[in-house]
């Protein structure tokens, strides 16, 4: 009885492993960047969930169709949860509006437009982003030209653009 209900909860178990391993690996401050810890946690949770599903479903001797349906459904649920978690982290890490609100909140007397513009100089923001892309080897600098390095995030971005088009009928919110 309990073995048949377990696959309903395995995406949550996988997500728990994802979050715990991502947080622990990031706090260890080893060689992994934030992005790498997110990938590490995500794939660790996915493997955990898949192994538990396979063991549980094999033990219950369910039909092949049921087995495949549960695996595919749980993968879709887990990937959706992982996507939400990624954006939860990303929101706090890179969202300018959130950062602006935090800067204003941390100021005892508030900030003027000039002070905010000084904090968010477009050139500095650009250089910071370029530096991060270079550090993560997502782009390369050769002969004073930037080239695509590791295309993983570019693939993820293209998948997101495709999903936005599929769901919203447009490639971005600016279309």
N, C-alpha and C. Protein backbone atom coordinates (compact mmCIF):
# COMPACT_ATOMS: atom_id res chain seq x y z
N UNK A 1 0.83 -1.20 0.00
CA UNK A 1 0.00 0.00 0.00
C UNK A 1 0.87 1.26 0.00
N UNK A 2 1.81 1.34 0.98
CA UNK A 2 2.64 2.55 1.07
C UNK A 2 3.57 2.64 -0.13
N UNK A 3 4.04 1.51 -0.65
CA UNK A 3 4.92 1.49 -1.81
C UNK A 3 4.25 2.04 -3.04
N UNK A 4 2.93 1.86 -3.15
CA UNK A 4 2.21 2.37 -4.31
C UNK A 4 2.03 3.88 -4.23
N UNK A 5 1.97 4.43 -3.03
CA UNK A 5 1.78 5.87 -2.87
C UNK A 5 3.10 6.64 -2.93
N UNK A 6 4.22 5.96 -2.70
CA UNK A 6 5.52 6.65 -2.65
C UNK A 6 5.85 7.44 -3.92
N UNK A 7 5.59 6.91 -5.13
CA UNK A 7 5.93 7.69 -6.33
C UNK A 7 5.24 9.06 -6.40
N UNK A 8 4.16 9.24 -5.68
CA UNK A 8 3.49 10.54 -5.65
C UNK A 8 4.39 11.57 -4.95
N UNK A 9 5.18 11.12 -4.00
CA UNK A 9 6.01 12.02 -3.19
C UNK A 9 7.46 12.11 -3.65
N UNK A 10 7.87 11.26 -4.59
CA UNK A 10 9.29 11.27 -4.96
C UNK A 10 9.77 12.58 -5.59
N UNK A 11 8.95 13.32 -6.35
CA UNK A 11 9.46 14.63 -6.80
C UNK A 11 9.78 15.57 -5.63
N UNK A 12 9.00 15.48 -4.56
CA UNK A 12 9.26 16.31 -3.38
C UNK A 12 10.53 15.83 -2.67
N UNK A 13 10.71 14.51 -2.58
CA UNK A 13 11.94 13.98 -2.00
C UNK A 13 13.15 14.40 -2.83
N UNK A 14 13.02 14.29 -4.15
CA UNK A 14 14.11 14.72 -5.03
C UNK A 14 14.42 16.19 -4.88
N UNK A 15 13.37 17.00 -4.75
CA UNK A 15 13.56 18.44 -4.59
C UNK A 15 14.23 18.75 -3.26
N UNK A 16 13.90 17.98 -2.23
CA UNK A 16 14.54 18.16 -0.92
C UNK A 16 16.04 17.88 -1.03
N UNK A 17 16.40 16.80 -1.70
CA UNK A 17 17.81 16.48 -1.93
C UNK A 17 18.46 17.60 -2.74
N UNK A 18 17.78 18.08 -3.76
CA UNK A 18 18.27 19.16 -4.61
C UNK A 18 18.65 20.37 -3.76
N UNK A 19 17.69 20.85 -2.97
CA UNK A 19 17.91 22.07 -2.18
C UNK A 19 19.02 21.86 -1.15
N UNK A 20 18.97 20.74 -0.43
CA UNK A 20 19.98 20.49 0.60
C UNK A 20 21.39 20.42 0.01
N UNK A 21 21.56 19.67 -1.07
CA UNK A 21 22.90 19.56 -1.66
C UNK A 21 23.35 20.86 -2.30
N UNK A 22 22.42 21.61 -2.89
CA UNK A 22 22.80 22.90 -3.48
C UNK A 22 23.27 23.86 -2.39
N UNK A 23 22.53 23.95 -1.31
CA UNK A 23 22.89 24.86 -0.22
C UNK A 23 24.21 24.45 0.42
N UNK A 24 24.36 23.17 0.73
CA UNK A 24 25.59 22.69 1.37
C UNK A 24 26.79 22.89 0.45
N UNK A 25 26.65 22.53 -0.83
CA UNK A 25 27.79 22.67 -1.75
C UNK A 25 28.15 24.14 -1.97
N UNK A 26 27.17 25.03 -1.92
CA UNK A 26 27.47 26.46 -2.09
C UNK A 26 28.16 27.01 -0.85
N UNK A 27 27.72 26.59 0.32
CA UNK A 27 28.29 27.12 1.57
C UNK A 27 29.68 26.58 1.87
N UNK A 28 30.02 25.44 1.28
CA UNK A 28 31.35 24.89 1.49
C UNK A 28 32.41 25.83 0.90
N UNK A 29 32.01 26.65 -0.07
CA UNK A 29 32.89 27.63 -0.71
C UNK A 29 34.10 26.96 -1.37
N UNK A 30 33.84 25.85 -1.98
CA UNK A 30 34.89 25.16 -2.70
C UNK A 30 35.10 25.77 -4.06
N UNK A 31 35.24 24.92 -5.04
CA UNK A 31 35.53 25.37 -6.39
C UNK A 31 34.27 25.60 -7.20
N UNK A 32 33.10 25.33 -6.64
CA UNK A 32 31.86 25.43 -7.40
C UNK A 32 31.25 26.83 -7.32
N UNK A 33 30.86 27.34 -8.46
CA UNK A 33 30.15 28.62 -8.50
C UNK A 33 28.69 28.37 -8.13
N UNK A 34 27.93 29.44 -7.96
CA UNK A 34 26.50 29.30 -7.64
C UNK A 34 25.80 28.47 -8.71
N UNK A 35 26.07 28.77 -9.97
CA UNK A 35 25.43 28.05 -11.06
C UNK A 35 25.77 26.56 -11.02
N UNK A 36 27.03 26.23 -10.75
CA UNK A 36 27.43 24.83 -10.68
C UNK A 36 26.76 24.12 -9.50
N UNK A 37 26.59 24.81 -8.38
CA UNK A 37 25.91 24.17 -7.24
C UNK A 37 24.44 23.94 -7.56
N UNK A 38 23.85 24.83 -8.34
CA UNK A 38 22.45 24.65 -8.75
C UNK A 38 22.33 23.41 -9.64
N UNK A 39 23.24 23.26 -10.61
CA UNK A 39 23.23 22.08 -11.47
C UNK A 39 23.50 20.81 -10.66
N UNK A 40 24.47 20.88 -9.75
CA UNK A 40 24.81 19.72 -8.91
C UNK A 40 23.59 19.27 -8.10
N UNK A 41 22.94 20.22 -7.43
CA UNK A 41 21.76 19.90 -6.65
C UNK A 41 20.64 19.35 -7.52
N UNK A 42 20.41 19.99 -8.68
CA UNK A 42 19.33 19.57 -9.57
C UNK A 42 19.52 18.13 -10.02
N UNK A 43 20.70 17.80 -10.54
CA UNK A 43 20.92 16.44 -11.06
C UNK A 43 20.99 15.40 -9.94
N UNK A 44 21.48 15.79 -8.76
CA UNK A 44 21.48 14.87 -7.63
C UNK A 44 20.05 14.53 -7.21
N UNK A 45 19.19 15.53 -7.16
CA UNK A 45 17.78 15.31 -6.83
C UNK A 45 17.08 14.47 -7.88
N UNK A 46 17.38 14.74 -9.15
CA UNK A 46 16.77 13.99 -10.25
C UNK A 46 17.16 12.51 -10.18
N UNK A 47 18.43 12.25 -9.92
CA UNK A 47 18.91 10.87 -9.81
C UNK A 47 18.27 10.19 -8.60
N UNK A 48 18.22 10.89 -7.47
CA UNK A 48 17.60 10.34 -6.27
C UNK A 48 16.15 9.97 -6.53
N UNK A 49 15.40 10.90 -7.11
CA UNK A 49 13.99 10.65 -7.40
C UNK A 49 13.84 9.46 -8.35
N UNK A 50 14.64 9.42 -9.39
CA UNK A 50 14.54 8.35 -10.39
C UNK A 50 14.85 6.98 -9.79
N UNK A 51 15.89 6.92 -8.97
CA UNK A 51 16.26 5.65 -8.33
C UNK A 51 15.15 5.17 -7.40
N UNK A 52 14.61 6.07 -6.59
CA UNK A 52 13.51 5.69 -5.69
C UNK A 52 12.31 5.23 -6.50
N UNK A 53 11.97 5.93 -7.57
CA UNK A 53 10.84 5.52 -8.42
C UNK A 53 11.06 4.14 -9.01
N UNK A 54 12.24 3.91 -9.57
CA UNK A 54 12.52 2.63 -10.22
C UNK A 54 12.45 1.49 -9.19
N UNK A 55 13.05 1.68 -8.04
CA UNK A 55 13.03 0.65 -7.00
C UNK A 55 11.59 0.39 -6.54
N UNK A 56 10.88 1.46 -6.24
CA UNK A 56 9.51 1.32 -5.74
C UNK A 56 8.59 0.67 -6.77
N UNK A 57 8.66 1.14 -8.00
CA UNK A 57 7.78 0.60 -9.04
C UNK A 57 8.16 -0.83 -9.41
N UNK A 58 9.44 -1.16 -9.38
CA UNK A 58 9.87 -2.54 -9.65
C UNK A 58 9.39 -3.47 -8.54
N UNK A 59 9.49 -3.01 -7.31
CA UNK A 59 9.05 -3.80 -6.15
C UNK A 59 7.56 -4.09 -6.22
N UNK A 60 6.77 -3.15 -6.69
CA UNK A 60 5.32 -3.31 -6.78
C UNK A 60 4.87 -4.07 -8.02
N UNK A 61 5.82 -4.40 -8.90
CA UNK A 61 5.51 -5.18 -10.11
C UNK A 61 4.35 -4.58 -10.90
N UNK A 62 4.44 -3.29 -11.19
CA UNK A 62 3.39 -2.63 -11.96
C UNK A 62 3.60 -2.85 -13.46
N UNK A 63 2.61 -2.53 -14.24
CA UNK A 63 2.71 -2.71 -15.69
C UNK A 63 3.71 -1.72 -16.27
N UNK A 64 4.22 -2.06 -17.44
CA UNK A 64 5.20 -1.20 -18.10
C UNK A 64 4.62 0.17 -18.43
N UNK A 65 3.37 0.22 -18.86
CA UNK A 65 2.72 1.49 -19.20
C UNK A 65 2.62 2.37 -17.96
N UNK A 66 2.20 1.80 -16.83
CA UNK A 66 2.10 2.54 -15.57
C UNK A 66 3.48 3.03 -15.13
N UNK A 67 4.47 2.15 -15.25
CA UNK A 67 5.85 2.47 -14.88
C UNK A 67 6.35 3.68 -15.66
N UNK A 68 6.20 3.64 -16.97
CA UNK A 68 6.67 4.73 -17.84
C UNK A 68 5.88 6.02 -17.55
N UNK A 69 4.57 5.90 -17.36
CA UNK A 69 3.74 7.07 -17.08
C UNK A 69 4.16 7.76 -15.79
N UNK A 70 4.41 6.98 -14.75
CA UNK A 70 4.84 7.55 -13.46
C UNK A 70 6.21 8.21 -13.60
N UNK A 71 7.13 7.55 -14.25
CA UNK A 71 8.48 8.11 -14.42
C UNK A 71 8.42 9.43 -15.18
N UNK A 72 7.72 9.45 -16.30
CA UNK A 72 7.62 10.68 -17.11
C UNK A 72 6.92 11.78 -16.32
N UNK A 73 5.83 11.45 -15.65
CA UNK A 73 5.09 12.45 -14.86
C UNK A 73 5.97 13.02 -13.76
N UNK A 74 6.68 12.16 -13.05
CA UNK A 74 7.53 12.64 -11.95
C UNK A 74 8.71 13.47 -12.47
N UNK A 75 9.24 13.11 -13.62
CA UNK A 75 10.32 13.92 -14.19
C UNK A 75 9.79 15.31 -14.55
N UNK A 76 8.62 15.38 -15.15
CA UNK A 76 8.03 16.68 -15.51
C UNK A 76 7.77 17.51 -14.25
N UNK A 77 7.23 16.88 -13.21
CA UNK A 77 6.97 17.60 -11.95
C UNK A 77 8.29 18.07 -11.34
N UNK A 78 9.29 17.20 -11.30
CA UNK A 78 10.57 17.56 -10.69
C UNK A 78 11.26 18.69 -11.46
N UNK A 79 11.27 18.59 -12.78
CA UNK A 79 11.90 19.65 -13.59
C UNK A 79 11.17 20.98 -13.38
N UNK A 80 9.85 20.93 -13.25
CA UNK A 80 9.09 22.16 -12.98
C UNK A 80 9.45 22.74 -11.62
N UNK A 81 9.56 21.90 -10.61
CA UNK A 81 9.97 22.37 -9.28
C UNK A 81 11.39 22.93 -9.32
N UNK A 82 12.28 22.25 -10.03
CA UNK A 82 13.66 22.71 -10.17
C UNK A 82 13.74 24.06 -10.88
N UNK A 83 12.90 24.24 -11.88
CA UNK A 83 12.84 25.50 -12.62
C UNK A 83 12.40 26.63 -11.67
N UNK A 84 11.39 26.36 -10.86
CA UNK A 84 10.93 27.37 -9.89
C UNK A 84 12.02 27.69 -8.88
N UNK A 85 12.72 26.68 -8.40
CA UNK A 85 13.80 26.89 -7.42
C UNK A 85 14.92 27.72 -8.03
N UNK A 86 15.29 27.40 -9.28
CA UNK A 86 16.32 28.17 -9.96
C UNK A 86 15.95 29.65 -10.01
N UNK A 87 14.71 29.93 -10.37
CA UNK A 87 14.30 31.33 -10.47
C UNK A 87 14.13 31.98 -9.11
N UNK A 88 13.81 31.22 -8.10
CA UNK A 88 13.78 31.75 -6.73
C UNK A 88 15.17 32.23 -6.33
N UNK A 89 16.19 31.41 -6.60
CA UNK A 89 17.57 31.80 -6.30
C UNK A 89 17.97 32.98 -7.18
N UNK A 90 17.66 32.90 -8.45
CA UNK A 90 18.03 33.95 -9.39
C UNK A 90 17.39 35.28 -9.05
N UNK A 91 16.16 35.24 -8.57
CA UNK A 91 15.45 36.47 -8.20
C UNK A 91 16.21 37.22 -7.11
N UNK A 92 16.64 36.52 -6.09
CA UNK A 92 17.37 37.16 -5.00
C UNK A 92 18.79 37.53 -5.36
N UNK A 93 19.35 36.84 -6.35
CA UNK A 93 20.74 37.04 -6.70
C UNK A 93 20.95 38.16 -7.72
N UNK A 94 20.06 38.27 -8.69
CA UNK A 94 20.35 39.17 -9.80
C UNK A 94 19.26 40.20 -10.12
N UNK A 95 18.11 40.08 -9.57
CA UNK A 95 17.03 40.99 -9.95
C UNK A 95 17.33 42.41 -9.48
N UNK A 96 17.37 43.31 -10.43
CA UNK A 96 17.71 44.71 -10.10
C UNK A 96 16.65 45.36 -9.22
N UNK A 97 15.39 45.07 -9.48
CA UNK A 97 14.34 45.69 -8.66
C UNK A 97 14.46 45.27 -7.20
N UNK A 98 14.73 43.99 -6.98
CA UNK A 98 14.90 43.49 -5.61
C UNK A 98 16.12 44.17 -4.98
N UNK A 99 17.19 44.26 -5.73
CA UNK A 99 18.41 44.87 -5.21
C UNK A 99 18.19 46.36 -4.90
N UNK A 100 17.48 47.06 -5.79
CA UNK A 100 17.17 48.47 -5.55
C UNK A 100 16.37 48.64 -4.26
N UNK A 101 15.37 47.80 -4.09
CA UNK A 101 14.56 47.88 -2.86
C UNK A 101 15.40 47.61 -1.62
N UNK A 102 16.32 46.65 -1.72
CA UNK A 102 17.19 46.36 -0.57
C UNK A 102 18.12 47.53 -0.27
N UNK A 103 18.66 48.16 -1.31
CA UNK A 103 19.55 49.32 -1.11
C UNK A 103 18.79 50.47 -0.43
N UNK A 104 17.58 50.73 -0.90
CA UNK A 104 16.76 51.81 -0.31
C UNK A 104 16.41 51.46 1.13
N UNK A 105 16.04 50.22 1.37
CA UNK A 105 15.68 49.77 2.73
C UNK A 105 16.86 49.89 3.68
N UNK A 106 18.07 49.55 3.20
CA UNK A 106 19.26 49.60 4.05
C UNK A 106 19.72 51.01 4.35
N UNK A 107 19.25 51.98 3.58
CA UNK A 107 19.62 53.37 3.80
C UNK A 107 18.72 53.98 4.88
N UNK A 108 19.33 54.63 5.86
CA UNK A 108 18.56 55.23 6.95
C UNK A 108 17.72 56.42 6.50
N UNK A 109 18.24 57.17 5.51
CA UNK A 109 17.55 58.40 5.11
C UNK A 109 16.99 58.33 3.69
N UNK A 110 17.04 57.15 3.08
CA UNK A 110 16.59 57.02 1.70
C UNK A 110 17.70 57.40 0.74
N UNK A 111 17.47 57.24 -0.54
CA UNK A 111 18.47 57.54 -1.55
C UNK A 111 17.86 58.43 -2.63
N UNK A 112 18.67 59.34 -3.15
CA UNK A 112 18.22 60.19 -4.24
C UNK A 112 18.39 59.43 -5.56
N UNK A 113 17.80 59.96 -6.61
CA UNK A 113 17.96 59.36 -7.93
C UNK A 113 19.43 59.33 -8.32
N UNK A 114 20.17 60.42 -8.03
CA UNK A 114 21.59 60.48 -8.35
C UNK A 114 22.36 59.38 -7.62
N UNK A 115 22.06 59.17 -6.33
CA UNK A 115 22.75 58.12 -5.56
C UNK A 115 22.44 56.73 -6.12
N UNK A 116 21.19 56.52 -6.51
CA UNK A 116 20.83 55.23 -7.10
C UNK A 116 21.52 55.02 -8.44
N UNK A 117 21.57 56.07 -9.26
CA UNK A 117 22.26 55.95 -10.55
C UNK A 117 23.75 55.69 -10.36
N UNK A 118 24.32 56.27 -9.31
CA UNK A 118 25.73 56.03 -9.01
C UNK A 118 25.96 54.56 -8.63
N UNK A 119 25.01 53.99 -7.87
CA UNK A 119 25.11 52.58 -7.49
C UNK A 119 24.92 51.65 -8.69
N UNK A 120 24.12 52.09 -9.66
CA UNK A 120 23.77 51.24 -10.79
C UNK A 120 24.21 51.85 -12.10
N UNK A 121 25.45 52.22 -12.15
CA UNK A 121 26.06 52.73 -13.36
C UNK A 121 25.98 51.64 -14.44
N UNK A 122 25.43 51.97 -15.60
CA UNK A 122 25.22 50.98 -16.67
C UNK A 122 26.54 50.33 -17.08
N UNK A 123 27.60 51.11 -17.13
CA UNK A 123 28.90 50.56 -17.53
C UNK A 123 29.39 49.54 -16.50
N UNK A 124 29.24 49.86 -15.22
CA UNK A 124 29.67 48.93 -14.18
C UNK A 124 28.83 47.65 -14.19
N UNK A 125 27.53 47.78 -14.39
CA UNK A 125 26.65 46.61 -14.46
C UNK A 125 27.05 45.74 -15.64
N UNK A 126 27.31 46.38 -16.78
CA UNK A 126 27.75 45.65 -17.98
C UNK A 126 29.06 44.92 -17.72
N UNK A 127 30.04 45.64 -17.17
CA UNK A 127 31.35 45.04 -16.91
C UNK A 127 31.26 43.89 -15.91
N UNK A 128 30.40 44.04 -14.90
CA UNK A 128 30.20 42.97 -13.92
C UNK A 128 29.63 41.72 -14.59
N UNK A 129 28.65 41.91 -15.46
CA UNK A 129 28.04 40.77 -16.15
C UNK A 129 29.04 40.11 -17.09
N UNK A 130 29.81 40.91 -17.81
CA UNK A 130 30.84 40.35 -18.70
C UNK A 130 31.85 39.55 -17.87
N UNK A 131 32.25 40.11 -16.74
CA UNK A 131 33.21 39.43 -15.86
C UNK A 131 32.67 38.08 -15.39
N UNK A 132 31.39 38.04 -15.01
CA UNK A 132 30.77 36.78 -14.57
C UNK A 132 30.71 35.77 -15.71
N UNK A 133 30.35 36.22 -16.91
CA UNK A 133 30.30 35.32 -18.06
C UNK A 133 31.70 34.76 -18.39
N UNK A 134 32.72 35.61 -18.28
CA UNK A 134 34.09 35.16 -18.52
C UNK A 134 34.54 34.18 -17.44
N UNK A 135 34.25 34.51 -16.19
CA UNK A 135 34.64 33.66 -15.06
C UNK A 135 34.02 32.27 -15.17
N UNK A 136 32.76 32.23 -15.59
CA UNK A 136 32.06 30.94 -15.72
C UNK A 136 32.32 30.27 -17.07
N UNK A 137 33.22 30.90 -17.88
CA UNK A 137 33.59 30.38 -19.20
C UNK A 137 32.38 30.23 -20.13
N UNK A 138 31.36 31.03 -19.91
CA UNK A 138 30.21 31.04 -20.80
C UNK A 138 30.52 31.84 -22.06
N UNK A 139 31.45 32.79 -21.93
CA UNK A 139 31.98 33.50 -23.09
C UNK A 139 33.50 33.50 -22.97
N UNK A 140 34.17 33.72 -24.10
CA UNK A 140 35.63 33.79 -24.15
C UNK A 140 36.02 35.10 -24.80
N UNK A 141 37.18 35.62 -24.41
CA UNK A 141 37.71 36.84 -25.03
C UNK A 141 38.92 36.46 -25.85
N UNK A 142 38.81 36.63 -27.18
CA UNK A 142 39.90 36.31 -28.09
C UNK A 142 40.04 37.45 -29.09
N UNK A 143 41.23 38.02 -29.16
CA UNK A 143 41.51 39.12 -30.09
C UNK A 143 40.51 40.26 -29.92
N UNK A 144 40.25 40.64 -28.68
CA UNK A 144 39.33 41.73 -28.33
C UNK A 144 37.89 41.48 -28.79
N UNK A 145 37.52 40.22 -28.98
CA UNK A 145 36.15 39.86 -29.36
C UNK A 145 35.64 38.81 -28.39
N UNK A 146 34.37 38.96 -28.04
CA UNK A 146 33.72 37.98 -27.16
C UNK A 146 33.08 36.90 -28.02
N UNK A 147 33.32 35.65 -27.63
CA UNK A 147 32.77 34.50 -28.34
C UNK A 147 32.07 33.59 -27.33
N UNK A 148 31.14 32.79 -27.82
CA UNK A 148 30.45 31.84 -26.96
C UNK A 148 31.47 30.82 -26.48
N UNK A 149 31.49 30.58 -25.18
CA UNK A 149 32.36 29.56 -24.61
C UNK A 149 31.54 28.30 -24.36
N UNK A 150 31.14 28.11 -23.12
CA UNK A 150 30.29 26.98 -22.76
C UNK A 150 28.85 27.36 -23.09
N UNK A 151 28.22 26.68 -24.05
CA UNK A 151 26.89 27.09 -24.50
C UNK A 151 25.73 26.57 -23.65
N UNK A 152 25.99 25.96 -22.50
CA UNK A 152 24.93 25.35 -21.69
C UNK A 152 23.83 26.35 -21.36
N UNK A 153 24.18 27.51 -20.84
CA UNK A 153 23.17 28.50 -20.46
C UNK A 153 22.46 29.02 -21.71
N UNK A 154 23.16 29.11 -22.81
CA UNK A 154 22.53 29.53 -24.06
C UNK A 154 21.47 28.52 -24.47
N UNK A 155 21.75 27.22 -24.32
CA UNK A 155 20.75 26.19 -24.61
C UNK A 155 19.55 26.33 -23.69
N UNK A 156 19.82 26.54 -22.40
CA UNK A 156 18.73 26.72 -21.44
C UNK A 156 17.89 27.94 -21.83
N UNK A 157 18.55 29.02 -22.21
CA UNK A 157 17.84 30.24 -22.63
C UNK A 157 16.97 29.97 -23.85
N UNK A 158 17.49 29.21 -24.80
CA UNK A 158 16.72 28.88 -26.00
C UNK A 158 15.52 28.00 -25.67
N UNK A 159 15.68 27.09 -24.73
CA UNK A 159 14.56 26.25 -24.30
C UNK A 159 13.49 27.12 -23.64
N UNK A 160 13.92 28.06 -22.80
CA UNK A 160 12.97 28.95 -22.12
C UNK A 160 12.24 29.82 -23.15
N UNK A 161 12.97 30.33 -24.13
CA UNK A 161 12.33 31.13 -25.19
C UNK A 161 11.29 30.28 -25.93
N UNK A 162 11.66 29.04 -26.24
CA UNK A 162 10.71 28.15 -26.91
C UNK A 162 9.48 27.91 -26.05
N UNK A 163 9.67 27.65 -24.75
CA UNK A 163 8.54 27.40 -23.86
C UNK A 163 7.67 28.65 -23.72
N UNK A 164 8.29 29.83 -23.65
CA UNK A 164 7.51 31.06 -23.61
C UNK A 164 6.66 31.21 -24.86
N UNK A 165 7.26 30.91 -26.01
CA UNK A 165 6.52 30.99 -27.26
C UNK A 165 5.38 29.99 -27.28
N UNK A 166 5.66 28.78 -26.80
CA UNK A 166 4.66 27.73 -26.77
C UNK A 166 3.49 28.10 -25.86
N UNK A 167 3.78 28.65 -24.69
CA UNK A 167 2.73 28.97 -23.71
C UNK A 167 2.11 30.34 -23.96
N UNK A 168 2.96 31.35 -24.19
CA UNK A 168 2.47 32.73 -24.29
C UNK A 168 2.24 33.21 -25.72
N UNK A 169 2.79 32.47 -26.68
CA UNK A 169 2.65 32.88 -28.08
C UNK A 169 3.60 33.98 -28.49
N UNK A 170 4.60 34.28 -27.65
CA UNK A 170 5.61 35.28 -28.00
C UNK A 170 6.93 34.89 -27.35
N UNK A 171 8.02 35.39 -27.92
CA UNK A 171 9.35 34.99 -27.47
C UNK A 171 9.79 35.69 -26.18
N UNK A 172 9.25 36.88 -25.93
CA UNK A 172 9.60 37.58 -24.69
C UNK A 172 8.47 38.52 -24.31
N UNK A 173 8.58 39.09 -23.14
CA UNK A 173 7.56 40.03 -22.68
C UNK A 173 7.62 41.35 -23.44
N UNK A 174 8.67 41.57 -24.23
CA UNK A 174 8.82 42.81 -24.99
C UNK A 174 8.27 42.71 -26.40
N UNK A 175 7.86 41.52 -26.83
CA UNK A 175 7.29 41.32 -28.17
C UNK A 175 5.90 41.90 -28.26
